[in-house]
Amino acid sequence: MKNLILLLLGHNRFTGSIPVSLGNLSKLEILDVHENLLSGVIPQELGKLESLIQLAFSHNELSGQILVTIGNLSRLEQLFLNDNQFNGYIPKELGNLNSLVELILLINQLSGLIPDSLGNLKKLEQFTVHDNKLSGHFPETIGKCIKLRYLILSDNLLVGSVPTSVCNLRSLEILHLGNNQLNGRIPQCLSNSVTSATSSKFWIYE
């Protein structure tokens, strides 16, 4: 099956681990196994699928760390890893994905900082990482992702102030920072779009 381009297995009840042999499908552009009962880790071999445009592993029981080698998938436009049990850091190598439009990592157990390298993602329109254990400051470099429409960082452990670089995100439709430990002043450019705010909770929409 080396000519396979699309592999769509979503909305089933597949169990067990993701086969290592999928790494041999060198022409594969879409790998979608969302909403199954798959467990274990993402095989290292999938980092060789350089033709991938969409990788959808959401709503499974996958664990371990996000593969650093996903950062080699230069054609990738959509990365859906949400609703699993991934832990560890968000790899800084994801900042190499120059074609990425959607980065969806919500509802996992990711920790550590949001990497500054994500500011390199000039085509990114949606970055959603709510309901994790991410800490540190709101990265100022996110302000370089000028095509962002949805930025959802709620329900983490982020601290410090909201950087004024968010004012560069002129396409932004939803900014959700609720249930963190943010403080300081709300940037002036957002003053007309805040529906409610406290020192530890922001719900900010355009």
N, C-alpha and C. Protein backbone atom coordinates (compact mmCIF):
# COMPACT_ATOMS: atom_id res chain seq x y z
N MET A 1 0.81 -1.21 0.00
CA MET A 1 0.00 0.00 0.00
C MET A 1 0.85 1.26 0.00
N LYS A 2 1.98 1.22 -0.64
CA LYS A 2 2.89 2.37 -0.59
C LYS A 2 2.38 3.57 -1.38
N ASN A 3 1.31 3.38 -2.17
CA ASN A 3 0.73 4.49 -2.90
C ASN A 3 -0.41 5.16 -2.14
N LEU A 4 -0.69 4.71 -0.93
CA LEU A 4 -1.80 5.24 -0.15
C LEU A 4 -1.59 6.72 0.17
N ILE A 5 -2.62 7.51 -0.11
CA ILE A 5 -2.56 8.95 0.14
C ILE A 5 -3.43 9.33 1.34
N LEU A 6 -4.61 8.72 1.44
CA LEU A 6 -5.53 9.01 2.53
C LEU A 6 -5.76 7.75 3.35
N LEU A 7 -5.67 7.87 4.67
CA LEU A 7 -6.01 6.78 5.58
C LEU A 7 -6.94 7.35 6.64
N LEU A 8 -8.23 7.04 6.49
CA LEU A 8 -9.27 7.62 7.33
C LEU A 8 -9.93 6.51 8.14
N LEU A 9 -9.66 6.48 9.44
CA LEU A 9 -10.15 5.42 10.32
C LEU A 9 -10.91 5.98 11.51
N GLY A 10 -11.31 7.22 11.43
CA GLY A 10 -11.95 7.87 12.56
C GLY A 10 -13.33 7.32 12.88
N HIS A 11 -13.79 7.60 14.13
CA HIS A 11 -15.12 7.22 14.60
C HIS A 11 -15.33 5.70 14.51
N ASN A 12 -14.41 4.97 15.12
CA ASN A 12 -14.55 3.52 15.23
C ASN A 12 -14.22 3.12 16.66
N ARG A 13 -13.91 1.85 16.85
CA ARG A 13 -13.54 1.36 18.18
C ARG A 13 -12.23 0.57 18.12
N PHE A 14 -11.31 1.06 17.29
CA PHE A 14 -10.00 0.42 17.20
C PHE A 14 -9.26 0.55 18.54
N THR A 15 -8.58 -0.51 18.91
CA THR A 15 -7.82 -0.54 20.16
C THR A 15 -6.35 -0.84 19.87
N GLY A 16 -5.56 -0.87 20.93
CA GLY A 16 -4.14 -1.18 20.78
C GLY A 16 -3.34 0.03 20.37
N SER A 17 -2.14 -0.20 19.91
CA SER A 17 -1.22 0.88 19.57
C SER A 17 -1.28 1.21 18.08
N ILE A 18 -0.73 2.36 17.73
CA ILE A 18 -0.63 2.77 16.33
C ILE A 18 0.49 1.96 15.68
N PRO A 19 0.24 1.26 14.58
CA PRO A 19 1.27 0.41 13.98
C PRO A 19 2.50 1.19 13.52
N VAL A 20 3.64 0.67 13.86
CA VAL A 20 4.91 1.27 13.42
C VAL A 20 5.00 1.28 11.90
N SER A 21 4.40 0.29 11.27
CA SER A 21 4.48 0.13 9.82
C SER A 21 3.86 1.29 9.05
N LEU A 22 3.02 2.10 9.70
CA LEU A 22 2.46 3.26 9.01
C LEU A 22 3.55 4.23 8.57
N GLY A 23 4.70 4.15 9.20
CA GLY A 23 5.82 5.00 8.84
C GLY A 23 6.38 4.69 7.46
N ASN A 24 5.93 3.58 6.85
CA ASN A 24 6.38 3.22 5.51
C ASN A 24 5.52 3.82 4.40
N LEU A 25 4.43 4.48 4.79
CA LEU A 25 3.51 5.04 3.79
C LEU A 25 3.98 6.42 3.37
N SER A 26 5.00 6.44 2.57
CA SER A 26 5.74 7.68 2.27
C SER A 26 4.92 8.71 1.50
N LYS A 27 3.82 8.28 0.84
CA LYS A 27 2.99 9.22 0.07
C LYS A 27 1.77 9.70 0.85
N LEU A 28 1.63 9.24 2.08
CA LEU A 28 0.44 9.54 2.87
C LEU A 28 0.34 11.04 3.15
N GLU A 29 -0.85 11.59 2.86
CA GLU A 29 -1.09 13.02 3.08
C GLU A 29 -2.03 13.27 4.25
N ILE A 30 -2.96 12.35 4.49
CA ILE A 30 -3.88 12.49 5.61
C ILE A 30 -3.92 11.19 6.40
N LEU A 31 -3.61 11.29 7.69
CA LEU A 31 -3.71 10.16 8.62
C LEU A 31 -4.68 10.57 9.72
N ASP A 32 -5.87 9.97 9.69
CA ASP A 32 -6.94 10.37 10.60
C ASP A 32 -7.46 9.14 11.33
N VAL A 33 -7.18 9.06 12.63
CA VAL A 33 -7.65 7.96 13.46
C VAL A 33 -8.40 8.50 14.68
N HIS A 34 -9.00 9.67 14.55
CA HIS A 34 -9.63 10.30 15.72
C HIS A 34 -10.87 9.51 16.17
N GLU A 35 -11.17 9.66 17.45
CA GLU A 35 -12.31 9.02 18.09
C GLU A 35 -12.27 7.50 17.96
N ASN A 36 -11.21 6.93 18.54
CA ASN A 36 -11.09 5.50 18.70
C ASN A 36 -10.67 5.22 20.15
N LEU A 37 -10.12 4.05 20.37
CA LEU A 37 -9.66 3.66 21.72
C LEU A 37 -8.18 3.30 21.67
N LEU A 38 -7.45 3.98 20.82
CA LEU A 38 -6.03 3.69 20.64
C LEU A 38 -5.23 4.15 21.85
N SER A 39 -4.21 3.38 22.21
CA SER A 39 -3.38 3.69 23.37
C SER A 39 -1.90 3.59 23.00
N GLY A 40 -1.05 3.84 23.99
CA GLY A 40 0.39 3.81 23.74
C GLY A 40 0.90 5.14 23.23
N VAL A 41 2.08 5.12 22.66
CA VAL A 41 2.73 6.34 22.21
C VAL A 41 2.67 6.46 20.69
N ILE A 42 2.95 7.66 20.19
CA ILE A 42 3.06 7.87 18.75
C ILE A 42 4.39 7.25 18.28
N PRO A 43 4.36 6.34 17.32
CA PRO A 43 5.61 5.74 16.85
C PRO A 43 6.56 6.76 16.24
N GLN A 44 7.82 6.63 16.56
CA GLN A 44 8.85 7.52 16.02
C GLN A 44 8.84 7.52 14.50
N GLU A 45 8.47 6.40 13.91
CA GLU A 45 8.51 6.25 12.46
C GLU A 45 7.59 7.23 11.74
N LEU A 46 6.57 7.72 12.42
CA LEU A 46 5.64 8.65 11.76
C LEU A 46 6.31 9.98 11.46
N GLY A 47 7.42 10.25 12.10
CA GLY A 47 8.16 11.47 11.82
C GLY A 47 8.82 11.48 10.46
N LYS A 48 8.72 10.35 9.73
CA LYS A 48 9.30 10.26 8.38
C LYS A 48 8.27 10.54 7.29
N LEU A 49 7.01 10.75 7.66
CA LEU A 49 5.95 10.91 6.67
C LEU A 49 5.92 12.36 6.17
N GLU A 50 6.87 12.70 5.35
CA GLU A 50 7.09 14.08 4.95
C GLU A 50 6.02 14.63 4.01
N SER A 51 5.11 13.78 3.53
CA SER A 51 4.02 14.25 2.66
C SER A 51 2.77 14.61 3.45
N LEU A 52 2.78 14.37 4.75
CA LEU A 52 1.57 14.58 5.56
C LEU A 52 1.11 16.04 5.54
N ILE A 53 -0.18 16.20 5.34
CA ILE A 53 -0.83 17.51 5.42
C ILE A 53 -1.70 17.59 6.67
N GLN A 54 -2.32 16.46 7.02
CA GLN A 54 -3.16 16.41 8.22
C GLN A 54 -2.82 15.19 9.04
N LEU A 55 -2.65 15.41 10.36
CA LEU A 55 -2.41 14.33 11.31
C LEU A 55 -3.42 14.49 12.44
N ALA A 56 -4.36 13.55 12.52
CA ALA A 56 -5.47 13.66 13.46
C ALA A 56 -5.52 12.44 14.36
N PHE A 57 -5.08 12.62 15.62
CA PHE A 57 -5.08 11.55 16.62
C PHE A 57 -6.00 11.88 17.79
N SER A 58 -6.87 12.85 17.64
CA SER A 58 -7.67 13.33 18.75
C SER A 58 -8.65 12.28 19.26
N HIS A 59 -9.07 12.44 20.53
CA HIS A 59 -10.08 11.59 21.17
C HIS A 59 -9.68 10.12 21.14
N ASN A 60 -8.51 9.85 21.67
CA ASN A 60 -8.05 8.48 21.90
C ASN A 60 -7.52 8.39 23.33
N GLU A 61 -6.68 7.42 23.59
CA GLU A 61 -6.08 7.25 24.91
C GLU A 61 -4.56 7.20 24.79
N LEU A 62 -4.04 7.99 23.86
CA LEU A 62 -2.60 8.02 23.61
C LEU A 62 -1.87 8.75 24.72
N SER A 63 -0.63 8.34 24.96
CA SER A 63 0.14 8.92 26.06
C SER A 63 1.58 9.16 25.61
N GLY A 64 2.43 9.52 26.57
CA GLY A 64 3.81 9.82 26.26
C GLY A 64 3.96 11.25 25.75
N GLN A 65 5.13 11.52 25.22
CA GLN A 65 5.43 12.88 24.77
C GLN A 65 5.11 13.06 23.28
N ILE A 66 4.87 14.30 22.91
CA ILE A 66 4.68 14.63 21.50
C ILE A 66 6.02 14.48 20.78
N LEU A 67 6.01 13.79 19.67
CA LEU A 67 7.26 13.52 18.95
C LEU A 67 7.96 14.80 18.51
N VAL A 68 9.23 14.90 18.81
CA VAL A 68 10.04 16.01 18.32
C VAL A 68 10.10 15.99 16.80
N THR A 69 10.12 14.79 16.22
CA THR A 69 10.29 14.65 14.76
C THR A 69 9.06 15.10 13.98
N ILE A 70 7.93 15.36 14.65
CA ILE A 70 6.79 15.96 13.94
C ILE A 70 7.21 17.31 13.35
N GLY A 71 8.19 17.94 13.98
CA GLY A 71 8.70 19.21 13.48
C GLY A 71 9.37 19.13 12.12
N ASN A 72 9.59 17.89 11.63
CA ASN A 72 10.19 17.70 10.30
C ASN A 72 9.14 17.67 9.19
N LEU A 73 7.86 17.65 9.56
CA LEU A 73 6.80 17.46 8.57
C LEU A 73 6.42 18.81 7.97
N SER A 74 7.22 19.27 7.06
CA SER A 74 7.16 20.65 6.58
C SER A 74 5.87 20.98 5.83
N ARG A 75 5.13 19.97 5.35
CA ARG A 75 3.89 20.22 4.62
C ARG A 75 2.66 20.21 5.55
N LEU A 76 2.86 19.88 6.81
CA LEU A 76 1.74 19.70 7.72
C LEU A 76 0.97 21.00 7.92
N GLU A 77 -0.35 20.92 7.74
CA GLU A 77 -1.23 22.07 7.91
C GLU A 77 -2.12 21.94 9.14
N GLN A 78 -2.44 20.72 9.52
CA GLN A 78 -3.34 20.48 10.65
C GLN A 78 -2.78 19.40 11.55
N LEU A 79 -2.64 19.73 12.83
CA LEU A 79 -2.16 18.77 13.83
C LEU A 79 -3.16 18.73 14.97
N PHE A 80 -3.89 17.61 15.06
CA PHE A 80 -4.92 17.43 16.07
C PHE A 80 -4.50 16.31 17.03
N LEU A 81 -4.10 16.70 18.23
CA LEU A 81 -3.68 15.73 19.25
C LEU A 81 -4.53 15.84 20.52
N ASN A 82 -5.62 16.55 20.43
CA ASN A 82 -6.42 16.85 21.61
C ASN A 82 -7.14 15.63 22.18
N ASP A 83 -7.54 15.76 23.45
CA ASP A 83 -8.32 14.74 24.16
C ASP A 83 -7.61 13.39 24.18
N ASN A 84 -6.37 13.45 24.68
CA ASN A 84 -5.58 12.26 24.92
C ASN A 84 -4.93 12.39 26.30
N GLN A 85 -3.82 11.70 26.50
CA GLN A 85 -3.11 11.76 27.78
C GLN A 85 -1.64 12.10 27.56
N PHE A 86 -1.37 12.91 26.54
CA PHE A 86 0.01 13.30 26.27
C PHE A 86 0.55 14.14 27.43
N ASN A 87 1.82 13.94 27.73
CA ASN A 87 2.46 14.70 28.80
C ASN A 87 3.79 15.27 28.32
N GLY A 88 4.52 15.89 29.23
CA GLY A 88 5.78 16.50 28.86
C GLY A 88 5.58 17.85 28.19
N TYR A 89 6.62 18.30 27.53
CA TYR A 89 6.63 19.64 26.94
C TYR A 89 6.04 19.66 25.54
N ILE A 90 5.62 20.84 25.12
CA ILE A 90 5.33 21.07 23.70
C ILE A 90 6.68 21.25 23.01
N PRO A 91 7.05 20.40 22.07
CA PRO A 91 8.38 20.49 21.46
C PRO A 91 8.59 21.83 20.74
N LYS A 92 9.73 22.42 20.98
CA LYS A 92 10.03 23.69 20.29
C LYS A 92 10.14 23.48 18.79
N GLU A 93 10.38 22.23 18.37
CA GLU A 93 10.51 21.91 16.95
C GLU A 93 9.21 22.12 16.18
N LEU A 94 8.08 22.19 16.87
CA LEU A 94 6.82 22.48 16.17
C LEU A 94 6.87 23.85 15.52
N GLY A 95 7.76 24.70 15.97
CA GLY A 95 7.94 26.01 15.36
C GLY A 95 8.55 25.96 13.98
N ASN A 96 8.96 24.76 13.54
CA ASN A 96 9.50 24.58 12.18
C ASN A 96 8.40 24.31 11.16
N LEU A 97 7.16 24.14 11.62
CA LEU A 97 6.07 23.74 10.72
C LEU A 97 5.49 24.97 10.02
N ASN A 98 6.18 25.43 9.03
CA ASN A 98 5.84 26.70 8.38
C ASN A 98 4.51 26.70 7.65
N SER A 99 3.95 25.52 7.39
CA SER A 99 2.66 25.43 6.70
C SER A 99 1.49 25.27 7.66
N LEU A 100 1.77 25.18 8.95
CA LEU A 100 0.74 24.82 9.93
C LEU A 100 -0.32 25.91 10.05
N VAL A 101 -1.58 25.48 9.99
CA VAL A 101 -2.72 26.39 10.10
C VAL A 101 -3.46 26.14 11.42
N GLU A 102 -3.55 24.88 11.84
CA GLU A 102 -4.26 24.54 13.07
C GLU A 102 -3.38 23.67 13.95
N LEU A 103 -3.21 24.10 15.21
CA LEU A 103 -2.46 23.35 16.21
C LEU A 103 -3.37 23.17 17.42
N ILE A 104 -3.90 21.95 17.58
CA ILE A 104 -4.93 21.68 18.56
C ILE A 104 -4.40 20.64 19.56
N LEU A 105 -4.15 21.08 20.78
CA LEU A 105 -3.52 20.23 21.81
C LEU A 105 -4.32 20.19 23.10
N LEU A 106 -5.55 20.64 23.09
CA LEU A 106 -6.33 20.77 24.32
C LEU A 106 -6.61 19.42 24.99
N ILE A 107 -6.88 19.50 26.28
CA ILE A 107 -7.27 18.36 27.12
C ILE A 107 -6.23 17.23 27.03
N ASN A 108 -5.04 17.55 27.52
CA ASN A 108 -3.98 16.57 27.73
C ASN A 108 -3.36 16.86 29.10
N GLN A 109 -2.14 16.43 29.28
CA GLN A 109 -1.43 16.70 30.53
C GLN A 109 -0.09 17.35 30.23
N LEU A 110 -0.08 18.22 29.23
CA LEU A 110 1.15 18.89 28.83
C LEU A 110 1.58 19.89 29.89
N SER A 111 2.87 20.00 30.09
CA SER A 111 3.41 20.89 31.12
C SER A 111 4.56 21.71 30.55
N GLY A 112 5.13 22.56 31.39
CA GLY A 112 6.24 23.39 30.94
C GLY A 112 5.75 24.62 30.21
N LEU A 113 6.67 25.25 29.50
CA LEU A 113 6.39 26.52 28.84
C LEU A 113 5.80 26.34 27.45
N ILE A 114 5.07 27.33 27.00
CA ILE A 114 4.69 27.41 25.59
C ILE A 114 5.91 27.92 24.84
N PRO A 115 6.46 27.15 23.91
CA PRO A 115 7.74 27.54 23.30
C PRO A 115 7.67 28.83 22.48
N ASP A 116 8.67 29.66 22.62
CA ASP A 116 8.76 30.90 21.85
C ASP A 116 8.77 30.63 20.35
N SER A 117 9.26 29.46 19.96
CA SER A 117 9.41 29.15 18.53
C SER A 117 8.08 29.12 17.79
N LEU A 118 6.96 29.00 18.51
CA LEU A 118 5.67 29.00 17.84
C LEU A 118 5.39 30.33 17.15
N GLY A 119 6.12 31.35 17.53
CA GLY A 119 6.00 32.64 16.86
C GLY A 119 6.45 32.60 15.42
N ASN A 120 7.09 31.51 15.01
CA ASN A 120 7.52 31.36 13.62
C ASN A 120 6.39 30.91 12.69
N LEU A 121 5.25 30.54 13.27
CA LEU A 121 4.17 29.94 12.49
C LEU A 121 3.29 31.03 11.87
N LYS A 122 3.74 31.57 10.78
CA LYS A 122 3.10 32.74 10.16
C LYS A 122 1.74 32.43 9.55
N LYS A 123 1.45 31.15 9.29
CA LYS A 123 0.16 30.77 8.71
C LYS A 123 -0.84 30.28 9.75
N LEU A 124 -0.42 30.22 11.00
CA LEU A 124 -1.26 29.65 12.05
C LEU A 124 -2.52 30.49 12.27
N GLU A 125 -3.67 29.81 12.24
CA GLU A 125 -4.95 30.48 12.46
C GLU A 125 -5.62 30.05 13.76
N GLN A 126 -5.29 28.85 14.25
CA GLN A 126 -5.89 28.38 15.49
C GLN A 126 -4.84 27.69 16.35
N PHE A 127 -4.71 28.15 17.58
CA PHE A 127 -3.82 27.53 18.57
C PHE A 127 -4.64 27.34 19.84
N THR A 128 -4.95 26.09 20.13
CA THR A 128 -5.82 25.75 21.25
C THR A 128 -5.13 24.75 22.15
N VAL A 129 -4.85 25.17 23.39
CA VAL A 129 -4.14 24.29 24.34
C VAL A 129 -4.80 24.31 25.72
N HIS A 130 -6.10 24.62 25.77
CA HIS A 130 -6.72 24.71 27.09
C HIS A 130 -6.80 23.35 27.78
N ASP A 131 -6.95 23.39 29.10
CA ASP A 131 -7.04 22.19 29.93
C ASP A 131 -5.78 21.33 29.84
N ASN A 132 -4.65 21.97 30.13
CA ASN A 132 -3.38 21.29 30.31
C ASN A 132 -2.76 21.78 31.61
N LYS A 133 -1.45 21.63 31.74
CA LYS A 133 -0.74 22.08 32.93
C LYS A 133 0.42 23.00 32.53
N LEU A 134 0.21 23.79 31.50
CA LEU A 134 1.26 24.66 30.99
C LEU A 134 1.50 25.80 31.97
N SER A 135 2.77 26.17 32.12
CA SER A 135 3.15 27.19 33.10
C SER A 135 4.01 28.26 32.44
N GLY A 136 4.49 29.20 33.26
CA GLY A 136 5.31 30.27 32.72
C GLY A 136 4.47 31.40 32.16
N HIS A 137 5.11 32.26 31.39
CA HIS A 137 4.46 33.46 30.88
C HIS A 137 3.79 33.22 29.54
N PHE A 138 2.82 34.03 29.26
CA PHE A 138 2.20 34.11 27.94
C PHE A 138 3.31 34.54 26.98
N PRO A 139 3.67 33.72 25.99
CA PRO A 139 4.82 34.05 25.14
C PRO A 139 4.59 35.26 24.26
N GLU A 140 5.47 36.22 24.36
CA GLU A 140 5.33 37.45 23.58
C GLU A 140 5.41 37.19 22.08
N THR A 141 6.14 36.13 21.71
CA THR A 141 6.33 35.83 20.28
C THR A 141 5.04 35.42 19.58
N ILE A 142 4.01 35.04 20.33
CA ILE A 142 2.73 34.69 19.71
C ILE A 142 2.21 35.87 18.90
N GLY A 143 2.61 37.08 19.26
CA GLY A 143 2.19 38.27 18.52
C GLY A 143 2.68 38.31 17.09
N LYS A 144 3.61 37.41 16.74
CA LYS A 144 4.10 37.33 15.37
C LYS A 144 3.20 36.46 14.48
N CYS A 145 2.28 35.73 15.09
CA CYS A 145 1.38 34.85 14.34
C CYS A 145 0.18 35.68 13.87
N ILE A 146 0.41 36.52 12.91
CA ILE A 146 -0.55 37.58 12.59
C ILE A 146 -1.83 37.08 11.93
N LYS A 147 -1.88 35.80 11.55
CA LYS A 147 -3.10 35.25 10.97
C LYS A 147 -3.97 34.55 12.01
N LEU A 148 -3.56 34.56 13.28
CA LEU A 148 -4.32 33.87 14.31
C LEU A 148 -5.74 34.41 14.41
N ARG A 149 -6.70 33.49 14.43
CA ARG A 149 -8.11 33.84 14.64
C ARG A 149 -8.60 33.35 15.99
N TYR A 150 -8.09 32.21 16.43
CA TYR A 150 -8.51 31.61 17.70
C TYR A 150 -7.27 31.30 18.53
N LEU A 151 -7.18 31.91 19.70
CA LEU A 151 -6.08 31.67 20.62
C LEU A 151 -6.69 31.33 21.97
N ILE A 152 -6.63 30.07 22.34
CA ILE A 152 -7.32 29.58 23.53
C ILE A 152 -6.30 28.90 24.45
N LEU A 153 -5.95 29.60 25.53
CA LEU A 153 -4.93 29.14 26.47
C LEU A 153 -5.52 28.92 27.87
N SER A 154 -6.81 28.85 27.97
CA SER A 154 -7.47 28.80 29.28
C SER A 154 -7.19 27.49 30.02
N ASP A 155 -7.44 27.53 31.34
CA ASP A 155 -7.33 26.35 32.20
C ASP A 155 -5.92 25.74 32.17
N ASN A 156 -4.95 26.61 32.41
CA ASN A 156 -3.56 26.20 32.58
C ASN A 156 -3.01 26.86 33.83
N LEU A 157 -1.70 27.01 33.91
CA LEU A 157 -1.05 27.61 35.08
C LEU A 157 -0.20 28.80 34.67
N LEU A 158 -0.64 29.53 33.65
CA LEU A 158 0.14 30.66 33.13
C LEU A 158 0.14 31.81 34.13
N VAL A 159 1.27 32.52 34.19
CA VAL A 159 1.42 33.62 35.14
C VAL A 159 1.88 34.88 34.39
N GLY A 160 1.92 35.98 35.13
CA GLY A 160 2.42 37.22 34.57
C GLY A 160 1.34 37.97 33.81
N SER A 161 1.78 38.93 33.03
CA SER A 161 0.85 39.81 32.33
C SER A 161 0.63 39.35 30.89
N VAL A 162 -0.41 39.88 30.29
CA VAL A 162 -0.69 39.64 28.87
C VAL A 162 0.18 40.60 28.07
N PRO A 163 1.06 40.11 27.20
CA PRO A 163 1.97 41.00 26.48
C PRO A 163 1.24 41.88 25.48
N THR A 164 1.75 43.07 25.29
CA THR A 164 1.12 43.99 24.34
C THR A 164 1.25 43.49 22.90
N SER A 165 2.07 42.48 22.67
CA SER A 165 2.20 41.94 21.31
C SER A 165 0.90 41.33 20.80
N VAL A 166 -0.05 41.03 21.71
CA VAL A 166 -1.34 40.51 21.23
C VAL A 166 -2.06 41.55 20.37
N CYS A 167 -1.68 42.80 20.53
CA CYS A 167 -2.30 43.87 19.74
C CYS A 167 -1.96 43.75 18.25
N ASN A 168 -0.95 42.94 17.93
CA ASN A 168 -0.59 42.71 16.53
C ASN A 168 -1.52 41.71 15.85
N LEU A 169 -2.33 41.01 16.64
CA LEU A 169 -3.17 39.94 16.11
C LEU A 169 -4.49 40.52 15.62
N ARG A 170 -4.44 41.18 14.51
CA ARG A 170 -5.60 41.92 14.03
C ARG A 170 -6.69 41.03 13.43
N SER A 171 -6.38 39.77 13.19
CA SER A 171 -7.39 38.83 12.70
C SER A 171 -8.06 38.06 13.82
N LEU A 172 -7.64 38.31 15.06
CA LEU A 172 -8.11 37.52 16.19
C LEU A 172 -9.61 37.69 16.41
N GLU A 173 -10.30 36.55 16.53
CA GLU A 173 -11.73 36.54 16.81
C GLU A 173 -12.02 36.09 18.25
N ILE A 174 -11.25 35.13 18.75
CA ILE A 174 -11.44 34.65 20.11
C ILE A 174 -10.09 34.58 20.82
N LEU A 175 -10.01 35.23 21.97
CA LEU A 175 -8.86 35.14 22.87
C LEU A 175 -9.39 34.72 24.23
N HIS A 176 -9.09 33.50 24.61
CA HIS A 176 -9.62 32.94 25.86
C HIS A 176 -8.45 32.58 26.77
N LEU A 177 -8.33 33.32 27.87
CA LEU A 177 -7.23 33.13 28.82
C LEU A 177 -7.75 32.78 30.21
N GLY A 178 -8.99 32.36 30.31
CA GLY A 178 -9.61 32.12 31.61
C GLY A 178 -8.93 31.03 32.42
N ASN A 179 -9.07 31.15 33.75
CA ASN A 179 -8.60 30.13 34.68
C ASN A 179 -7.10 29.87 34.57
N ASN A 180 -6.33 30.95 34.63
CA ASN A 180 -4.89 30.89 34.79
C ASN A 180 -4.53 31.71 36.02
N GLN A 181 -3.30 32.18 36.10
CA GLN A 181 -2.87 33.02 37.22
C GLN A 181 -2.29 34.33 36.68
N LEU A 182 -2.90 34.83 35.63
CA LEU A 182 -2.44 36.05 34.98
C LEU A 182 -2.75 37.27 35.85
N ASN A 183 -1.93 38.30 35.70
CA ASN A 183 -2.16 39.53 36.47
C ASN A 183 -1.72 40.74 35.67
N GLY A 184 -1.64 41.87 36.32
CA GLY A 184 -1.23 43.08 35.63
C GLY A 184 -2.39 43.71 34.87
N ARG A 185 -2.04 44.60 33.97
CA ARG A 185 -3.05 45.34 33.22
C ARG A 185 -3.45 44.61 31.94
N ILE A 186 -4.70 44.80 31.58
CA ILE A 186 -5.18 44.31 30.29
C ILE A 186 -4.67 45.27 29.22
N PRO A 187 -4.03 44.78 28.16
CA PRO A 187 -3.52 45.68 27.11
C PRO A 187 -4.61 46.61 26.58
N GLN A 188 -4.22 47.85 26.34
CA GLN A 188 -5.17 48.88 25.94
C GLN A 188 -5.97 48.50 24.71
N CYS A 189 -5.32 47.78 23.79
CA CYS A 189 -6.00 47.45 22.53
C CYS A 189 -7.17 46.50 22.74
N LEU A 190 -7.23 45.85 23.90
CA LEU A 190 -8.31 44.92 24.18
C LEU A 190 -9.42 45.55 25.02
N SER A 191 -9.25 46.79 25.39
CA SER A 191 -10.15 47.39 26.38
C SER A 191 -11.58 47.48 25.92
N ASN A 192 -11.80 47.47 24.62
CA ASN A 192 -13.16 47.55 24.11
C ASN A 192 -13.77 46.18 23.84
N SER A 193 -13.00 45.11 24.13
CA SER A 193 -13.49 43.78 23.78
C SER A 193 -13.60 42.84 24.97
N VAL A 194 -13.38 43.34 26.19
CA VAL A 194 -13.41 42.49 27.37
C VAL A 194 -14.83 42.37 27.90
N THR A 195 -15.28 41.15 28.09
CA THR A 195 -16.60 40.95 28.66
C THR A 195 -16.54 40.77 30.16
N SER A 196 -15.46 40.19 30.68
CA SER A 196 -15.26 40.12 32.12
C SER A 196 -13.81 39.81 32.38
N ALA A 197 -13.30 40.27 33.53
CA ALA A 197 -11.91 40.00 33.86
C ALA A 197 -11.70 40.12 35.36
N THR A 198 -10.83 39.25 35.89
CA THR A 198 -10.33 39.38 37.25
C THR A 198 -8.84 39.17 37.18
N SER A 199 -8.16 39.22 38.32
CA SER A 199 -6.70 39.07 38.31
C SER A 199 -6.27 37.69 37.87
N SER A 200 -7.15 36.70 37.95
CA SER A 200 -6.75 35.35 37.59
C SER A 200 -7.58 34.77 36.44
N LYS A 201 -8.44 35.58 35.87
CA LYS A 201 -9.35 35.02 34.87
C LYS A 201 -9.69 36.08 33.83
N PHE A 202 -9.46 35.74 32.56
CA PHE A 202 -9.80 36.64 31.47
C PHE A 202 -10.68 35.88 30.46
N TRP A 203 -11.75 36.51 30.05
CA TRP A 203 -12.52 36.00 28.91
C TRP A 203 -12.52 37.15 27.91
N ILE A 204 -11.73 37.03 26.89
CA ILE A 204 -11.51 38.16 25.99
C ILE A 204 -11.89 37.77 24.57
N TYR A 205 -12.78 38.53 23.99
CA TYR A 205 -13.21 38.30 22.62
C TYR A 205 -13.09 39.59 21.85
N GLU A 206 -12.91 39.46 20.55
CA GLU A 206 -12.87 40.66 19.71
C GLU A 206 -14.26 41.25 19.58
